[in-house]
């Protein structure tokens, strides 16, 4: 599981996918999410505006990323 540091209280799922360089554009993030290929905390997530906070786990193609709030 990869730890991904963010420097705000939360980040949206679409922004997170770009931050991790999983996708390059918001459109690519939207398509990936709407295709049902992204899980948040073990559940398929279909909203790119989903707010991710410290400790949330995002899974794409079997790869897991944990959100860590850094300073």
PDB file of N, CA and C in Angstrom:
ATOM      1  N   UNK A   1       0.846  -1.175   0.000  1.00  0.00           N
ATOM      2  CA  UNK A   1       0.000   0.000   0.000  1.00  0.00           C
ATOM      3  C   UNK A   1       0.894   1.241   0.000  1.00  0.00           C
ATOM      4  N   UNK A   2       0.592   2.147  -0.908  1.00  0.00           N
ATOM      5  CA  UNK A   2       1.386   3.364  -1.019  1.00  0.00           C
ATOM      6  C   UNK A   2       0.749   4.482  -0.197  1.00  0.00           C
ATOM      7  N   UNK A   3       1.565   5.178   0.560  1.00  0.00           N
ATOM      8  CA  UNK A   3       1.084   6.346   1.304  1.00  0.00           C
ATOM      9  C   UNK A   3       1.203   7.574   0.418  1.00  0.00           C
ATOM     10  N   UNK A   4       0.121   8.363   0.351  1.00  0.00           N
ATOM     11  CA  UNK A   4       0.110   9.575  -0.464  1.00  0.00           C
ATOM     12  C   UNK A   4      -0.181  10.749   0.455  1.00  0.00           C
ATOM     13  N   UNK A   5       0.786  11.658   0.556  1.00  0.00           N
ATOM     14  CA  UNK A   5       0.603  12.827   1.423  1.00  0.00           C
ATOM     15  C   UNK A   5      -0.137  13.932   0.692  1.00  0.00           C
ATOM     16  N   UNK A   6      -1.113  14.498   1.397  1.00  0.00           N
ATOM     17  CA  UNK A   6      -1.783  15.702   0.917  1.00  0.00           C
ATOM     18  C   UNK A   6      -1.534  16.780   1.965  1.00  0.00           C
ATOM     19  N   UNK A   7      -1.704  18.025   1.571  1.00  0.00           N
ATOM     20  CA  UNK A   7      -1.373  19.118   2.480  1.00  0.00           C
ATOM     21  C   UNK A   7      -2.573  20.000   2.768  1.00  0.00           C
ATOM     22  N   UNK A   8      -3.766  19.408   2.641  1.00  0.00           N
ATOM     23  CA  UNK A   8      -5.016  20.084   2.971  1.00  0.00           C
ATOM     24  C   UNK A   8      -5.838  19.128   3.821  1.00  0.00           C
ATOM     25  N   UNK A   9      -6.957  19.598   4.358  1.00  0.00           N
ATOM     26  CA  UNK A   9      -7.809  18.765   5.203  1.00  0.00           C
ATOM     27  C   UNK A   9      -8.389  17.583   4.427  1.00  0.00           C
ATOM     28  N   UNK A  10      -8.715  17.829   3.159  1.00  0.00           N
ATOM     29  CA  UNK A  10      -9.261  16.774   2.308  1.00  0.00           C
ATOM     30  C   UNK A  10      -8.878  17.052   0.858  1.00  0.00           C
ATOM     31  N   UNK A  11      -9.115  16.052   0.003  1.00  0.00           N
ATOM     32  CA  UNK A  11      -8.896  16.185  -1.432  1.00  0.00           C
ATOM     33  C   UNK A  11     -10.013  15.411  -2.120  1.00  0.00           C
ATOM     34  N   UNK A  12     -10.497  15.916  -3.239  1.00  0.00           N
ATOM     35  CA  UNK A  12     -11.544  15.170  -3.942  1.00  0.00           C
ATOM     36  C   UNK A  12     -10.907  13.976  -4.663  1.00  0.00           C
ATOM     37  N   UNK A  13     -11.729  12.985  -4.932  1.00  0.00           N
ATOM     38  CA  UNK A  13     -11.232  11.782  -5.585  1.00  0.00           C
ATOM     39  C   UNK A  13     -10.609  12.101  -6.943  1.00  0.00           C
ATOM     40  N   UNK A  14     -11.252  12.951  -7.726  1.00  0.00           N
ATOM     41  CA  UNK A  14     -10.706  13.331  -9.030  1.00  0.00           C
ATOM     42  C   UNK A  14      -9.347  14.001  -8.903  1.00  0.00           C
ATOM     43  N   UNK A  15      -9.222  14.904  -7.945  1.00  0.00           N
ATOM     44  CA  UNK A  15      -7.944  15.583  -7.714  1.00  0.00           C
ATOM     45  C   UNK A  15      -6.886  14.588  -7.242  1.00  0.00           C
ATOM     46  N   UNK A  16      -7.317  13.655  -6.403  1.00  0.00           N
ATOM     47  CA  UNK A  16      -6.394  12.655  -5.873  1.00  0.00           C
ATOM     48  C   UNK A  16      -5.793  11.806  -6.992  1.00  0.00           C
ATOM     49  N   UNK A  17      -6.625  11.394  -7.938  1.00  0.00           N
ATOM     50  CA  UNK A  17      -6.128  10.578  -9.050  1.00  0.00           C
ATOM     51  C   UNK A  17      -5.095  11.338  -9.874  1.00  0.00           C
ATOM     52  N   UNK A  18      -5.297  12.646 -10.022  1.00  0.00           N
ATOM     53  CA  UNK A  18      -4.308  13.460 -10.736  1.00  0.00           C
ATOM     54  C   UNK A  18      -3.054  13.658  -9.875  1.00  0.00           C
ATOM     55  N   UNK A  19      -3.226  13.901  -8.585  1.00  0.00           N
ATOM     56  CA  UNK A  19      -2.114  14.124  -7.647  1.00  0.00           C
ATOM     57  C   UNK A  19      -1.171  12.917  -7.640  1.00  0.00           C
ATOM     58  N   UNK A  20      -1.761  11.704  -7.713  1.00  0.00           N
ATOM     59  CA  UNK A  20      -0.974  10.466  -7.708  1.00  0.00           C
ATOM     60  C   UNK A  20      -0.417  10.120  -9.084  1.00  0.00           C
ATOM     61  N   UNK A  21      -0.782  10.895 -10.083  1.00  0.00           N
ATOM     62  CA  UNK A  21      -0.376  10.673 -11.470  1.00  0.00           C
ATOM     63  C   UNK A  21      -0.923   9.354 -12.034  1.00  0.00           C
ATOM     64  N   UNK A  22      -2.099   8.970 -11.540  1.00  0.00           N
ATOM     65  CA  UNK A  22      -2.786   7.806 -12.086  1.00  0.00           C
ATOM     66  C   UNK A  22      -3.421   8.202 -13.412  1.00  0.00           C
ATOM     67  N   UNK A  23      -3.907   9.441 -13.467  1.00  0.00           N
ATOM     68  CA  UNK A  23      -4.454  10.011 -14.702  1.00  0.00           C
ATOM     69  C   UNK A  23      -3.798  11.375 -14.909  1.00  0.00           C
ATOM     70  N   UNK A  24      -3.917  11.905 -16.115  1.00  0.00           N
ATOM     71  CA  UNK A  24      -3.327  13.208 -16.412  1.00  0.00           C
ATOM     72  C   UNK A  24      -4.352  14.330 -16.403  1.00  0.00           C
ATOM     73  N   UNK A  25      -5.622  13.986 -16.686  1.00  0.00           N
ATOM     74  CA  UNK A  25      -6.650  15.033 -16.789  1.00  0.00           C
ATOM     75  C   UNK A  25      -7.872  14.678 -15.959  1.00  0.00           C
ATOM     76  N   UNK A  26      -8.675  15.693 -15.701  1.00  0.00           N
ATOM     77  CA  UNK A  26      -9.927  15.487 -14.994  1.00  0.00           C
ATOM     78  C   UNK A  26     -10.882  14.605 -15.783  1.00  0.00           C
ATOM     79  N   UNK A  27     -10.854  14.715 -17.108  1.00  0.00           N
ATOM     80  CA  UNK A  27     -11.702  13.882 -17.954  1.00  0.00           C
ATOM     81  C   UNK A  27     -11.345  12.409 -17.835  1.00  0.00           C
ATOM     82  N   UNK A  28     -10.059  12.127 -17.771  1.00  0.00           N
ATOM     83  CA  UNK A  28      -9.616  10.740 -17.600  1.00  0.00           C
ATOM     84  C   UNK A  28     -10.051  10.211 -16.231  1.00  0.00           C
ATOM     85  N   UNK A  29      -9.956  11.069 -15.218  1.00  0.00           N
ATOM     86  CA  UNK A  29     -10.390  10.678 -13.867  1.00  0.00           C
ATOM     87  C   UNK A  29     -11.876  10.361 -13.869  1.00  0.00           C
ATOM     88  N   UNK A  30     -12.660  11.224 -14.503  1.00  0.00           N
ATOM     89  CA  UNK A  30     -14.108  11.032 -14.569  1.00  0.00           C
ATOM     90  C   UNK A  30     -14.447   9.700 -15.232  1.00  0.00           C
ATOM     91  N   UNK A  31     -13.801   9.399 -16.360  1.00  0.00           N
ATOM     92  CA  UNK A  31     -14.071   8.161 -17.078  1.00  0.00           C
ATOM     93  C   UNK A  31     -13.701   6.927 -16.255  1.00  0.00           C
ATOM     94  N   UNK A  32     -12.572   6.980 -15.573  1.00  0.00           N
ATOM     95  CA  UNK A  32     -12.126   5.867 -14.744  1.00  0.00           C
ATOM     96  C   UNK A  32     -13.111   5.613 -13.605  1.00  0.00           C
ATOM     97  N   UNK A  33     -13.560   6.698 -12.975  1.00  0.00           N
ATOM     98  CA  UNK A  33     -14.491   6.595 -11.848  1.00  0.00           C
ATOM     99  C   UNK A  33     -15.849   6.082 -12.320  1.00  0.00           C
ATOM    100  N   UNK A  34     -16.374   6.662 -13.396  1.00  0.00           N
ATOM    101  CA  UNK A  34     -17.691   6.250 -13.895  1.00  0.00           C
ATOM    102  C   UNK A  34     -17.699   4.820 -14.432  1.00  0.00           C
ATOM    103  N   UNK A  35     -16.540   4.309 -14.809  1.00  0.00           N
ATOM    104  CA  UNK A  35     -16.441   2.923 -15.274  1.00  0.00           C
ATOM    105  C   UNK A  35     -16.469   1.940 -14.102  1.00  0.00           C
ATOM    106  N   UNK A  36     -16.502   2.466 -12.872  1.00  0.00           N
ATOM    107  CA  UNK A  36     -16.561   1.606 -11.687  1.00  0.00           C
ATOM    108  C   UNK A  36     -15.243   0.947 -11.337  1.00  0.00           C
ATOM    109  N   UNK A  37     -14.141   1.561 -11.760  1.00  0.00           N
ATOM    110  CA  UNK A  37     -12.823   0.962 -11.546  1.00  0.00           C
ATOM    111  C   UNK A  37     -12.100   1.485 -10.315  1.00  0.00           C
ATOM    112  N   UNK A  38     -12.770   2.362  -9.546  1.00  0.00           N
ATOM    113  CA  UNK A  38     -12.135   2.962  -8.374  1.00  0.00           C
ATOM    114  C   UNK A  38     -12.937   2.612  -7.127  1.00  0.00           C
ATOM    115  N   UNK A  39     -12.225   2.109  -6.113  1.00  0.00           N
ATOM    116  CA  UNK A  39     -12.865   1.822  -4.830  1.00  0.00           C
ATOM    117  C   UNK A  39     -12.306   2.772  -3.778  1.00  0.00           C
ATOM    118  N   UNK A  40     -13.180   3.185  -2.865  1.00  0.00           N
ATOM    119  CA  UNK A  40     -12.759   3.973  -1.710  1.00  0.00           C
ATOM    120  C   UNK A  40     -13.203   3.201  -0.474  1.00  0.00           C
ATOM    121  N   UNK A  41     -12.247   2.850   0.350  1.00  0.00           N
ATOM    122  CA  UNK A  41     -12.516   2.075   1.566  1.00  0.00           C
ATOM    123  C   UNK A  41     -13.298   0.801   1.254  1.00  0.00           C
ATOM    124  N   UNK A  42     -12.930   0.131   0.140  1.00  0.00           N
ATOM    125  CA  UNK A  42     -13.514  -1.144  -0.217  1.00  0.00           C
ATOM    126  C   UNK A  42     -14.818  -1.093  -0.986  1.00  0.00           C
ATOM    127  N   UNK A  43     -15.357   0.103  -1.220  1.00  0.00           N
ATOM    128  CA  UNK A  43     -16.622   0.264  -1.937  1.00  0.00           C
ATOM    129  C   UNK A  43     -16.383   0.976  -3.267  1.00  0.00           C
ATOM    130  N   UNK A  44     -17.042   0.524  -4.338  1.00  0.00           N
ATOM    131  CA  UNK A  44     -16.932   1.213  -5.618  1.00  0.00           C
ATOM    132  C   UNK A  44     -17.488   2.624  -5.464  1.00  0.00           C
ATOM    133  N   UNK A  45     -16.727   3.605  -5.918  1.00  0.00           N
ATOM    134  CA  UNK A  45     -17.125   5.011  -5.818  1.00  0.00           C
ATOM    135  C   UNK A  45     -17.358   5.569  -7.215  1.00  0.00           C
ATOM    136  N   UNK A  46     -18.518   6.185  -7.408  1.00  0.00           N
ATOM    137  CA  UNK A  46     -18.872   6.724  -8.723  1.00  0.00           C
ATOM    138  C   UNK A  46     -18.909   8.251  -8.759  1.00  0.00           C
ATOM    139  N   UNK A  47     -18.460   8.902  -7.704  1.00  0.00           N
ATOM    140  CA  UNK A  47     -18.486  10.366  -7.631  1.00  0.00           C
ATOM    141  C   UNK A  47     -17.070  10.912  -7.521  1.00  0.00           C
ATOM    142  N   UNK A  48     -16.647  11.678  -8.520  1.00  0.00           N
ATOM    143  CA  UNK A  48     -15.280  12.218  -8.459  1.00  0.00           C
ATOM    144  C   UNK A  48     -15.156  13.334  -7.436  1.00  0.00           C
ATOM    145  N   UNK A  49     -16.285  13.843  -6.955  1.00  0.00           N
ATOM    146  CA  UNK A  49     -16.248  14.897  -5.934  1.00  0.00           C
ATOM    147  C   UNK A  49     -16.179  14.331  -4.514  1.00  0.00           C
ATOM    148  N   UNK A  50     -16.108  13.016  -4.382  1.00  0.00           N
ATOM    149  CA  UNK A  50     -16.004  12.379  -3.069  1.00  0.00           C
ATOM    150  C   UNK A  50     -14.800  12.946  -2.335  1.00  0.00           C
ATOM    151  N   UNK A  51     -15.026  13.420  -1.107  1.00  0.00           N
ATOM    152  CA  UNK A  51     -13.936  13.997  -0.321  1.00  0.00           C
ATOM    153  C   UNK A  51     -13.168  12.888   0.384  1.00  0.00           C
ATOM    154  N   UNK A  52     -11.877  12.861   0.155  1.00  0.00           N
ATOM    155  CA  UNK A  52     -10.999  11.894   0.800  1.00  0.00           C
ATOM    156  C   UNK A  52     -10.289  12.583   1.950  1.00  0.00           C
ATOM    157  N   UNK A  53     -10.261  11.910   3.083  1.00  0.00           N
ATOM    158  CA  UNK A  53      -9.612  12.452   4.275  1.00  0.00           C
ATOM    159  C   UNK A  53      -8.545  11.485   4.758  1.00  0.00           C
ATOM    160  N   UNK A  54      -7.807  11.918   5.764  1.00  0.00           N
ATOM    161  CA  UNK A  54      -6.726  11.122   6.337  1.00  0.00           C
ATOM    162  C   UNK A  54      -7.204   9.700   6.649  1.00  0.00           C
ATOM    163  N   UNK A  55      -6.473   8.714   6.157  1.00  0.00           N
ATOM    164  CA  UNK A  55      -6.779   7.322   6.440  1.00  0.00           C
ATOM    165  C   UNK A  55      -7.640   6.623   5.402  1.00  0.00           C
ATOM    166  N   UNK A  56      -8.265   7.375   4.490  1.00  0.00           N
ATOM    167  CA  UNK A  56      -9.059   6.740   3.441  1.00  0.00           C
ATOM    168  C   UNK A  56      -8.149   5.944   2.518  1.00  0.00           C
ATOM    169  N   UNK A  57      -8.661   4.818   2.015  1.00  0.00           N
ATOM    170  CA  UNK A  57      -7.895   3.951   1.125  1.00  0.00           C
ATOM    171  C   UNK A  57      -8.570   3.926  -0.242  1.00  0.00           C
ATOM    172  N   UNK A  58      -7.798   4.257  -1.266  1.00  0.00           N
ATOM    173  CA  UNK A  58      -8.274   4.249  -2.652  1.00  0.00           C
ATOM    174  C   UNK A  58      -7.621   3.062  -3.351  1.00  0.00           C
ATOM    175  N   UNK A  59      -8.429   2.294  -4.091  1.00  0.00           N
ATOM    176  CA  UNK A  59      -7.910   1.128  -4.795  1.00  0.00           C
ATOM    177  C   UNK A  59      -8.247   1.210  -6.274  1.00  0.00           C
ATOM    178  N   UNK A  60      -7.234   1.046  -7.101  1.00  0.00           N
ATOM    179  CA  UNK A  60      -7.390   1.036  -8.557  1.00  0.00           C
ATOM    180  C   UNK A  60      -6.569  -0.132  -9.096  1.00  0.00           C
ATOM    181  N   UNK A  61      -7.200  -1.030  -9.830  1.00  0.00           N
ATOM    182  CA  UNK A  61      -6.517  -2.180 -10.440  1.00  0.00           C
ATOM    183  C   UNK A  61      -5.666  -2.955  -9.426  1.00  0.00           C
ATOM    184  N   UNK A  62      -6.189  -3.149  -8.234  1.00  0.00           N
ATOM    185  CA  UNK A  62      -5.484  -3.916  -7.210  1.00  0.00           C
ATOM    186  C   UNK A  62      -4.416  -3.151  -6.458  1.00  0.00           C
ATOM    187  N   UNK A  63      -4.103  -1.944  -6.897  1.00  0.00           N
ATOM    188  CA  UNK A  63      -3.107  -1.097  -6.226  1.00  0.00           C
ATOM    189  C   UNK A  63      -3.828  -0.224  -5.201  1.00  0.00           C
ATOM    190  N   UNK A  64      -3.308  -0.185  -3.972  1.00  0.00           N
ATOM    191  CA  UNK A  64      -3.955   0.586  -2.910  1.00  0.00           C
ATOM    192  C   UNK A  64      -3.112   1.791  -2.516  1.00  0.00           C
ATOM    193  N   UNK A  65      -3.812   2.884  -2.256  1.00  0.00           N
ATOM    194  CA  UNK A  65      -3.195   4.152  -1.863  1.00  0.00           C
ATOM    195  C   UNK A  65      -3.913   4.647  -0.607  1.00  0.00           C
ATOM    196  N   UNK A  66      -3.152   4.988   0.416  1.00  0.00           N
ATOM    197  CA  UNK A  66      -3.753   5.507   1.639  1.00  0.00           C
ATOM    198  C   UNK A  66      -3.478   7.010   1.718  1.00  0.00           C
ATOM    199  N   UNK A  67      -4.506   7.782   2.051  1.00  0.00           N
ATOM    200  CA  UNK A  67      -4.395   9.233   2.140  1.00  0.00           C
ATOM    201  C   UNK A  67      -3.787   9.594   3.498  1.00  0.00           C
ATOM    202  N   UNK A  68      -2.715  10.362   3.461  1.00  0.00           N
ATOM    203  CA  UNK A  68      -2.049  10.825   4.677  1.00  0.00           C
ATOM    204  C   UNK A  68      -1.980  12.351   4.629  1.00  0.00           C
ATOM    205  N   UNK A  69      -2.460  13.003   5.685  1.00  0.00           N
ATOM    206  CA  UNK A  69      -2.379  14.462   5.744  1.00  0.00           C
ATOM    207  C   UNK A  69      -1.016  14.822   6.308  1.00  0.00           C
ATOM    208  N   UNK A  70      -0.239  15.544   5.516  1.00  0.00           N
ATOM    209  CA  UNK A  70       1.104  15.948   5.931  1.00  0.00           C
ATOM    210  C   UNK A  70       1.135  17.425   6.267  1.00  0.00           C
ATOM    211  N   UNK A  71       2.269  17.863   6.748  1.00  0.00           N
ATOM    212  CA  UNK A  71       2.428  19.286   7.094  1.00  0.00           C
ATOM    213  C   UNK A  71       3.502  19.913   6.252  1.00  0.00           C
TER     214      UNK A  71
END
